[in-house]
Amino acid sequence: MSTTLLLKRDGETIAIATPHWADSLALALRYGWNPLGPTAAYLASGFKVSLADASALAAAFDRIFESALQDPMRFHPVRVDLSELSLVNDFVREGAFEVWDA
């Protein structure tokens, strides 16, 4: 498995460290994300994330930020860098995308 993944859509690409992506997905599960398939698939090169699933994932990321703002001491510690997660969330919120090895 690559140490960096690329999230791609129509000429738009962001790079994310594989461990950060995995940790972000795990945290999203804790905040109500119910993926359409096994979460390990979201780490596979060539995996396609649908519009509906991207929207659900972005909603879970939004709940993460709400929780962190409302009660930071209860929220932490987490292994996810929230500033990086914010950039990923901006990308995910825009709709369907694919996951690729860098």
N, C-alpha and C. Protein backbone atom coordinates (compact mmCIF):
# COMPACT_ATOMS: atom_id res chain seq x y z
N MET A 1 0.84 -1.17 0.00
CA MET A 1 0.00 0.00 0.00
C MET A 1 0.90 1.24 0.00
N SER A 2 0.50 2.21 -0.78
CA SER A 2 1.23 3.46 -0.90
C SER A 2 1.14 4.25 0.41
N THR A 3 2.16 5.06 0.68
CA THR A 3 2.12 5.91 1.88
C THR A 3 1.36 7.21 1.63
N THR A 4 1.06 7.47 0.36
CA THR A 4 0.28 8.65 -0.01
C THR A 4 -0.81 8.23 -0.99
N LEU A 5 -1.99 8.78 -0.77
CA LEU A 5 -3.10 8.55 -1.68
C LEU A 5 -3.47 9.86 -2.35
N LEU A 6 -4.03 9.74 -3.54
CA LEU A 6 -4.55 10.88 -4.26
C LEU A 6 -6.05 10.77 -4.33
N LEU A 7 -6.74 11.82 -3.97
CA LEU A 7 -8.19 11.89 -4.14
C LEU A 7 -8.41 12.75 -5.38
N LYS A 8 -9.10 12.17 -6.39
CA LYS A 8 -9.19 12.83 -7.70
C LYS A 8 -10.63 12.95 -8.16
N ARG A 9 -10.86 14.04 -8.88
CA ARG A 9 -12.11 14.25 -9.60
C ARG A 9 -11.86 15.28 -10.68
N ASP A 10 -12.32 15.04 -11.86
CA ASP A 10 -12.31 16.00 -12.98
C ASP A 10 -11.21 17.06 -12.92
N GLY A 11 -9.97 16.65 -12.99
CA GLY A 11 -8.87 17.59 -13.02
C GLY A 11 -8.48 18.17 -11.68
N GLU A 12 -9.14 17.78 -10.63
CA GLU A 12 -8.85 18.26 -9.28
C GLU A 12 -8.26 17.10 -8.50
N THR A 13 -7.13 17.32 -7.84
CA THR A 13 -6.46 16.26 -7.09
C THR A 13 -5.90 16.83 -5.79
N ILE A 14 -6.07 16.07 -4.72
CA ILE A 14 -5.36 16.39 -3.48
C ILE A 14 -4.63 15.14 -3.02
N ALA A 15 -3.49 15.34 -2.40
CA ALA A 15 -2.70 14.24 -1.85
C ALA A 15 -2.93 14.19 -0.35
N ILE A 16 -3.00 12.97 0.17
CA ILE A 16 -3.18 12.77 1.61
C ILE A 16 -2.36 11.55 2.03
N ALA A 17 -1.71 11.65 3.17
CA ALA A 17 -0.97 10.51 3.70
C ALA A 17 -1.96 9.39 4.00
N THR A 18 -1.62 8.19 3.59
CA THR A 18 -2.51 7.05 3.78
C THR A 18 -2.93 6.89 5.24
N PRO A 19 -2.00 7.00 6.20
CA PRO A 19 -2.44 6.88 7.61
C PRO A 19 -3.43 7.97 8.01
N HIS A 20 -3.25 9.18 7.51
CA HIS A 20 -4.18 10.26 7.85
C HIS A 20 -5.56 9.98 7.26
N TRP A 21 -5.61 9.49 6.04
CA TRP A 21 -6.89 9.15 5.40
C TRP A 21 -7.58 8.04 6.21
N ALA A 22 -6.82 7.01 6.58
CA ALA A 22 -7.39 5.90 7.36
C ALA A 22 -7.91 6.39 8.71
N ASP A 23 -7.14 7.24 9.39
CA ASP A 23 -7.57 7.79 10.67
C ASP A 23 -8.79 8.68 10.52
N SER A 24 -8.85 9.44 9.43
CA SER A 24 -10.00 10.32 9.16
C SER A 24 -11.26 9.50 8.94
N LEU A 25 -11.13 8.40 8.20
CA LEU A 25 -12.29 7.53 7.96
C LEU A 25 -12.75 6.87 9.27
N ALA A 26 -11.79 6.44 10.08
CA ALA A 26 -12.14 5.82 11.37
C ALA A 26 -12.86 6.82 12.27
N LEU A 27 -12.40 8.05 12.28
CA LEU A 27 -13.05 9.07 13.09
C LEU A 27 -14.45 9.38 12.55
N ALA A 28 -14.59 9.42 11.23
CA ALA A 28 -15.90 9.65 10.61
C ALA A 28 -16.89 8.55 11.00
N LEU A 29 -16.41 7.32 11.11
CA LEU A 29 -17.28 6.22 11.57
C LEU A 29 -17.83 6.52 12.97
N ARG A 30 -16.96 7.05 13.83
CA ARG A 30 -17.39 7.39 15.20
C ARG A 30 -18.41 8.52 15.22
N TYR A 31 -18.43 9.31 14.15
CA TYR A 31 -19.34 10.44 14.07
C TYR A 31 -20.48 10.21 13.07
N GLY A 32 -20.86 8.96 12.92
CA GLY A 32 -22.09 8.63 12.22
C GLY A 32 -22.00 8.32 10.74
N TRP A 33 -20.79 8.30 10.18
CA TRP A 33 -20.67 7.93 8.77
C TRP A 33 -20.97 6.45 8.63
N ASN A 34 -21.85 6.11 7.70
CA ASN A 34 -22.21 4.72 7.44
C ASN A 34 -21.86 4.44 5.98
N PRO A 35 -20.63 3.98 5.72
CA PRO A 35 -20.18 3.80 4.34
C PRO A 35 -21.02 2.77 3.59
N LEU A 36 -21.04 2.93 2.28
CA LEU A 36 -21.81 2.02 1.43
C LEU A 36 -21.12 0.66 1.26
N GLY A 37 -19.88 0.57 1.62
CA GLY A 37 -19.13 -0.69 1.51
C GLY A 37 -18.14 -0.79 2.65
N PRO A 38 -17.28 -1.79 2.61
CA PRO A 38 -16.28 -1.94 3.67
C PRO A 38 -15.31 -0.76 3.68
N THR A 39 -14.96 -0.29 4.86
CA THR A 39 -14.09 0.89 4.94
C THR A 39 -12.71 0.63 4.33
N ALA A 40 -12.24 -0.60 4.35
CA ALA A 40 -10.94 -0.90 3.73
C ALA A 40 -10.94 -0.58 2.24
N ALA A 41 -12.09 -0.65 1.60
CA ALA A 41 -12.18 -0.34 0.17
C ALA A 41 -11.81 1.12 -0.11
N TYR A 42 -12.02 1.99 0.86
CA TYR A 42 -11.74 3.42 0.68
C TYR A 42 -10.24 3.70 0.69
N LEU A 43 -9.44 2.68 0.94
CA LEU A 43 -7.99 2.79 0.88
C LEU A 43 -7.43 2.17 -0.40
N ALA A 44 -8.28 1.56 -1.20
CA ALA A 44 -7.85 0.84 -2.39
C ALA A 44 -7.73 1.76 -3.60
N SER A 45 -6.62 1.62 -4.30
CA SER A 45 -6.41 2.41 -5.51
C SER A 45 -7.49 2.08 -6.54
N GLY A 46 -8.10 3.11 -7.08
CA GLY A 46 -9.16 2.94 -8.07
C GLY A 46 -10.56 2.93 -7.48
N PHE A 47 -10.67 3.00 -6.14
CA PHE A 47 -11.99 2.98 -5.51
C PHE A 47 -12.75 4.26 -5.86
N LYS A 48 -14.02 4.10 -6.21
CA LYS A 48 -14.87 5.23 -6.58
C LYS A 48 -15.85 5.53 -5.45
N VAL A 49 -15.80 6.74 -4.97
CA VAL A 49 -16.70 7.20 -3.92
C VAL A 49 -17.85 7.94 -4.60
N SER A 50 -19.05 7.46 -4.37
CA SER A 50 -20.23 8.05 -5.02
C SER A 50 -20.55 9.43 -4.45
N LEU A 51 -21.40 10.15 -5.16
CA LEU A 51 -21.86 11.45 -4.70
C LEU A 51 -22.54 11.33 -3.33
N ALA A 52 -23.42 10.33 -3.20
CA ALA A 52 -24.15 10.14 -1.94
C ALA A 52 -23.19 9.82 -0.80
N ASP A 53 -22.21 8.97 -1.06
CA ASP A 53 -21.28 8.60 0.00
C ASP A 53 -20.34 9.76 0.35
N ALA A 54 -19.94 10.53 -0.66
CA ALA A 54 -19.11 11.71 -0.39
C ALA A 54 -19.88 12.70 0.49
N SER A 55 -21.16 12.88 0.20
CA SER A 55 -21.99 13.79 1.00
C SER A 55 -22.11 13.30 2.44
N ALA A 56 -22.30 11.99 2.61
CA ALA A 56 -22.41 11.41 3.95
C ALA A 56 -21.09 11.54 4.71
N LEU A 57 -19.99 11.35 4.01
CA LEU A 57 -18.68 11.48 4.64
C LEU A 57 -18.42 12.93 5.05
N ALA A 58 -18.76 13.87 4.18
CA ALA A 58 -18.59 15.29 4.51
C ALA A 58 -19.46 15.67 5.71
N ALA A 59 -20.66 15.13 5.78
CA ALA A 59 -21.53 15.42 6.93
C ALA A 59 -20.90 14.91 8.23
N ALA A 60 -20.28 13.73 8.19
CA ALA A 60 -19.60 13.20 9.38
C ALA A 60 -18.41 14.08 9.74
N PHE A 61 -17.65 14.52 8.74
CA PHE A 61 -16.53 15.43 9.01
C PHE A 61 -17.04 16.72 9.65
N ASP A 62 -18.17 17.23 9.15
CA ASP A 62 -18.75 18.44 9.75
C ASP A 62 -19.10 18.22 11.22
N ARG A 63 -19.64 17.04 11.54
CA ARG A 63 -19.97 16.73 12.94
C ARG A 63 -18.70 16.67 13.80
N ILE A 64 -17.60 16.20 13.21
CA ILE A 64 -16.33 16.18 13.92
C ILE A 64 -15.92 17.59 14.31
N PHE A 65 -16.00 18.51 13.35
CA PHE A 65 -15.62 19.90 13.64
C PHE A 65 -16.55 20.53 14.67
N GLU A 66 -17.85 20.25 14.58
CA GLU A 66 -18.80 20.78 15.56
C GLU A 66 -18.45 20.29 16.95
N SER A 67 -18.14 19.01 17.07
CA SER A 67 -17.78 18.44 18.37
C SER A 67 -16.50 19.05 18.91
N ALA A 68 -15.52 19.22 18.04
CA ALA A 68 -14.23 19.80 18.46
C ALA A 68 -14.42 21.24 18.94
N LEU A 69 -15.31 21.97 18.31
CA LEU A 69 -15.55 23.36 18.71
C LEU A 69 -16.38 23.46 19.99
N GLN A 70 -17.34 22.57 20.14
CA GLN A 70 -18.23 22.62 21.30
C GLN A 70 -17.55 22.16 22.58
N ASP A 71 -16.74 21.14 22.48
CA ASP A 71 -16.12 20.59 23.68
C ASP A 71 -14.73 20.04 23.34
N PRO A 72 -13.75 20.93 23.15
CA PRO A 72 -12.42 20.48 22.71
C PRO A 72 -11.76 19.48 23.66
N MET A 73 -11.98 19.63 24.95
CA MET A 73 -11.32 18.71 25.88
C MET A 73 -11.90 17.30 25.80
N ARG A 74 -13.18 17.20 25.54
CA ARG A 74 -13.82 15.90 25.39
C ARG A 74 -13.45 15.27 24.04
N PHE A 75 -13.27 16.12 23.06
CA PHE A 75 -12.98 15.65 21.71
C PHE A 75 -11.59 15.04 21.60
N HIS A 76 -10.61 15.67 22.22
CA HIS A 76 -9.22 15.23 22.09
C HIS A 76 -8.90 14.16 23.11
N PRO A 77 -7.96 13.30 22.93
CA PRO A 77 -6.99 13.30 21.85
C PRO A 77 -7.49 12.51 20.63
N VAL A 78 -7.17 13.00 19.48
CA VAL A 78 -7.41 12.28 18.22
C VAL A 78 -6.13 12.35 17.41
N ARG A 79 -5.96 11.38 16.54
CA ARG A 79 -4.74 11.34 15.74
C ARG A 79 -4.89 12.09 14.43
N VAL A 80 -5.98 12.78 14.25
CA VAL A 80 -6.26 13.47 13.00
C VAL A 80 -5.92 14.95 13.13
N ASP A 81 -5.14 15.45 12.19
CA ASP A 81 -4.83 16.88 12.12
C ASP A 81 -6.05 17.58 11.54
N LEU A 82 -6.73 18.37 12.36
CA LEU A 82 -7.99 18.99 11.93
C LEU A 82 -7.81 20.01 10.81
N SER A 83 -6.65 20.65 10.73
CA SER A 83 -6.44 21.59 9.63
C SER A 83 -6.34 20.84 8.31
N GLU A 84 -5.68 19.69 8.32
CA GLU A 84 -5.62 18.87 7.10
C GLU A 84 -6.99 18.26 6.80
N LEU A 85 -7.70 17.84 7.83
CA LEU A 85 -9.03 17.29 7.63
C LEU A 85 -9.97 18.33 7.02
N SER A 86 -9.79 19.58 7.38
CA SER A 86 -10.61 20.64 6.82
C SER A 86 -10.42 20.74 5.30
N LEU A 87 -9.18 20.63 4.85
CA LEU A 87 -8.90 20.65 3.40
C LEU A 87 -9.51 19.44 2.70
N VAL A 88 -9.38 18.28 3.33
CA VAL A 88 -9.98 17.07 2.77
C VAL A 88 -11.50 17.21 2.73
N ASN A 89 -12.08 17.73 3.78
CA ASN A 89 -13.53 17.91 3.83
C ASN A 89 -14.01 18.85 2.72
N ASP A 90 -13.27 19.92 2.47
CA ASP A 90 -13.64 20.83 1.39
C ASP A 90 -13.68 20.08 0.06
N PHE A 91 -12.71 19.20 -0.16
CA PHE A 91 -12.67 18.41 -1.39
C PHE A 91 -13.82 17.42 -1.43
N VAL A 92 -14.00 16.66 -0.36
CA VAL A 92 -15.03 15.62 -0.31
C VAL A 92 -16.43 16.22 -0.48
N ARG A 93 -16.65 17.36 0.10
CA ARG A 93 -17.95 18.03 0.04
C ARG A 93 -18.37 18.34 -1.40
N GLU A 94 -17.42 18.47 -2.30
CA GLU A 94 -17.72 18.82 -3.69
C GLU A 94 -18.30 17.66 -4.50
N GLY A 95 -18.30 16.45 -3.96
CA GLY A 95 -18.97 15.34 -4.66
C GLY A 95 -18.11 14.13 -4.90
N ALA A 96 -18.57 13.30 -5.81
CA ALA A 96 -17.94 12.00 -6.11
C ALA A 96 -16.46 12.19 -6.45
N PHE A 97 -15.67 11.19 -6.07
CA PHE A 97 -14.23 11.22 -6.36
C PHE A 97 -13.69 9.80 -6.37
N GLU A 98 -12.44 9.68 -6.79
CA GLU A 98 -11.75 8.39 -6.81
C GLU A 98 -10.52 8.45 -5.93
N VAL A 99 -10.16 7.31 -5.39
CA VAL A 99 -8.96 7.17 -4.55
C VAL A 99 -7.90 6.45 -5.38
N TRP A 100 -6.68 6.99 -5.43
CA TRP A 100 -5.59 6.39 -6.20
C TRP A 100 -4.31 6.41 -5.39
N ASP A 101 -3.46 5.41 -5.62
CA ASP A 101 -2.11 5.43 -5.07
C ASP A 101 -1.34 6.57 -5.74
N ALA A 102 -0.47 7.20 -4.97
CA ALA A 102 0.35 8.29 -5.52
C ALA A 102 1.48 7.73 -6.36
